[in-house]
Amino acid sequence: MTERAGVPADEGGLSQSVSQRKLVDDLLLHLKGLVRVRELLRRRGASVAEIEEHTAEIERLRAELAQLVKEFAR
């Protein structure tokens, strides 16, 4: 059993899996927040530009999340 960066070899995969899960969870949380804020902006009569900015960021995060999930599935 060898160590890499202070992590025993048999725990390396688990450590990577946990960090990948955390990254996905963080992106999901950010995405959910943006969706909720966009809805609040709509209800409060925000400008079309503000709504579009949030929508663009939501779409960008969705694409990033989908790409990460594909990469992690390999």
C-alpha atoms as a PDB file:
ATOM      1  CA  MET A   1       0.000   0.000   0.000  1.00  0.00           C
ATOM      2  CA  THR A   2       1.516   3.345  -1.046  1.00  0.00           C
ATOM      3  CA  GLU A   3       0.558   6.814   0.005  1.00  0.00           C
ATOM      4  CA  ARG A   4      -0.169   9.771  -2.237  1.00  0.00           C
ATOM      5  CA  ALA A   5      -0.431  13.236  -0.682  1.00  0.00           C
ATOM      6  CA  GLY A   6      -0.864  11.658   2.739  1.00  0.00           C
ATOM      7  CA  VAL A   7      -3.794   9.471   1.673  1.00  0.00           C
ATOM      8  CA  PRO A   8      -3.336   5.695   1.694  1.00  0.00           C
ATOM      9  CA  ALA A   9      -3.699   4.179  -1.790  1.00  0.00           C
ATOM     10  CA  ASP A  10      -6.884   2.270  -0.920  1.00  0.00           C
ATOM     11  CA  GLU A  11      -8.587   5.485   0.228  1.00  0.00           C
ATOM     12  CA  GLY A  12      -7.659   7.630  -2.795  1.00  0.00           C
ATOM     13  CA  GLY A  13     -10.722   6.628  -4.793  1.00  0.00           C
ATOM     14  CA  LEU A  14     -13.019   7.292  -1.871  1.00  0.00           C
ATOM     15  CA  SER A  15     -11.473  10.702  -1.274  1.00  0.00           C
ATOM     16  CA  GLN A  16     -11.893  11.624  -4.940  1.00  0.00           C
ATOM     17  CA  SER A  17     -15.471  10.380  -4.915  1.00  0.00           C
ATOM     18  CA  VAL A  18     -16.288  12.514  -1.876  1.00  0.00           C
ATOM     19  CA  SER A  19     -14.748  15.627  -3.430  1.00  0.00           C
ATOM     20  CA  GLN A  20     -16.617  15.000  -6.692  1.00  0.00           C
ATOM     21  CA  ARG A  21     -19.873  14.638  -4.783  1.00  0.00           C
ATOM     22  CA  LYS A  22     -19.192  17.869  -2.907  1.00  0.00           C
ATOM     23  CA  LEU A  23     -18.538  19.704  -6.166  1.00  0.00           C
ATOM     24  CA  VAL A  24     -21.806  18.430  -7.655  1.00  0.00           C
ATOM     25  CA  ASP A  25     -23.702  19.288  -4.449  1.00  0.00           C
ATOM     26  CA  ASP A  26     -22.253  22.816  -4.441  1.00  0.00           C
ATOM     27  CA  LEU A  27     -23.231  23.366  -8.068  1.00  0.00           C
ATOM     28  CA  LEU A  28     -26.737  22.058  -7.403  1.00  0.00           C
ATOM     29  CA  LEU A  29     -27.132  24.386  -4.441  1.00  0.00           C
ATOM     30  CA  HIS A  30     -25.977  27.365  -6.489  1.00  0.00           C
ATOM     31  CA  LEU A  31     -28.310  26.379  -9.316  1.00  0.00           C
ATOM     32  CA  LYS A  32     -31.307  26.032  -7.004  1.00  0.00           C
ATOM     33  CA  GLY A  33     -30.555  29.430  -5.492  1.00  0.00           C
ATOM     34  CA  LEU A  34     -30.420  31.073  -8.906  1.00  0.00           C
ATOM     35  CA  VAL A  35     -33.732  29.506  -9.917  1.00  0.00           C
ATOM     36  CA  ARG A  36     -35.385  30.761  -6.715  1.00  0.00           C
ATOM     37  CA  VAL A  37     -33.925  34.246  -7.035  1.00  0.00           C
ATOM     38  CA  ARG A  38     -35.035  34.444 -10.670  1.00  0.00           C
ATOM     39  CA  GLU A  39     -38.583  33.601  -9.613  1.00  0.00           C
ATOM     40  CA  LEU A  40     -38.480  36.278  -6.895  1.00  0.00           C
ATOM     41  CA  LEU A  41     -37.231  38.790  -9.441  1.00  0.00           C
ATOM     42  CA  ARG A  42     -40.120  37.912 -11.758  1.00  0.00           C
ATOM     43  CA  ARG A  43     -42.655  38.323  -8.968  1.00  0.00           C
ATOM     44  CA  ARG A  44     -41.201  41.678  -8.016  1.00  0.00           C
ATOM     45  CA  GLY A  45     -41.267  43.015 -11.549  1.00  0.00           C
ATOM     46  CA  ALA A  46     -37.571  42.926 -12.357  1.00  0.00           C
ATOM     47  CA  SER A  47     -36.426  44.018 -15.783  1.00  0.00           C
ATOM     48  CA  VAL A  48     -36.217  41.585 -18.667  1.00  0.00           C
ATOM     49  CA  ALA A  49     -32.438  42.077 -18.661  1.00  0.00           C
ATOM     50  CA  GLU A  50     -32.156  40.930 -15.024  1.00  0.00           C
ATOM     51  CA  ILE A  51     -34.280  37.867 -15.695  1.00  0.00           C
ATOM     52  CA  GLU A  52     -32.240  37.042 -18.796  1.00  0.00           C
ATOM     53  CA  GLU A  53     -28.972  37.362 -16.864  1.00  0.00           C
ATOM     54  CA  HIS A  54     -30.184  34.852 -14.291  1.00  0.00           C
ATOM     55  CA  THR A  55     -31.516  32.552 -17.010  1.00  0.00           C
ATOM     56  CA  ALA A  56     -28.170  32.619 -18.838  1.00  0.00           C
ATOM     57  CA  GLU A  57     -26.293  31.775 -15.648  1.00  0.00           C
ATOM     58  CA  ILE A  58     -28.766  28.969 -14.871  1.00  0.00           C
ATOM     59  CA  GLU A  59     -28.214  27.507 -18.338  1.00  0.00           C
ATOM     60  CA  ARG A  60     -24.432  27.802 -17.955  1.00  0.00           C
ATOM     61  CA  LEU A  61     -24.482  25.992 -14.603  1.00  0.00           C
ATOM     62  CA  ARG A  62     -26.772  23.269 -15.935  1.00  0.00           C
ATOM     63  CA  ALA A  63     -24.354  22.614 -18.783  1.00  0.00           C
ATOM     64  CA  GLU A  64     -21.388  22.590 -16.378  1.00  0.00           C
ATOM     65  CA  LEU A  65     -23.193  20.189 -14.051  1.00  0.00           C
ATOM     66  CA  ALA A  66     -24.104  17.860 -16.921  1.00  0.00           C
ATOM     67  CA  GLN A  67     -20.485  17.825 -18.112  1.00  0.00           C
ATOM     68  CA  LEU A  68     -19.179  17.065 -14.620  1.00  0.00           C
ATOM     69  CA  VAL A  69     -21.622  14.206 -14.136  1.00  0.00           C
ATOM     70  CA  LYS A  70     -20.547  12.717 -17.475  1.00  0.00           C
ATOM     71  CA  GLU A  71     -16.881  13.009 -16.516  1.00  0.00           C
ATOM     72  CA  PHE A  72     -17.429  11.481 -13.087  1.00  0.00           C
ATOM     73  CA  ALA A  73     -19.365   8.562 -14.585  1.00  0.00           C
ATOM     74  CA  ARG A  74     -16.278   7.428 -16.531  1.00  0.00           C
END
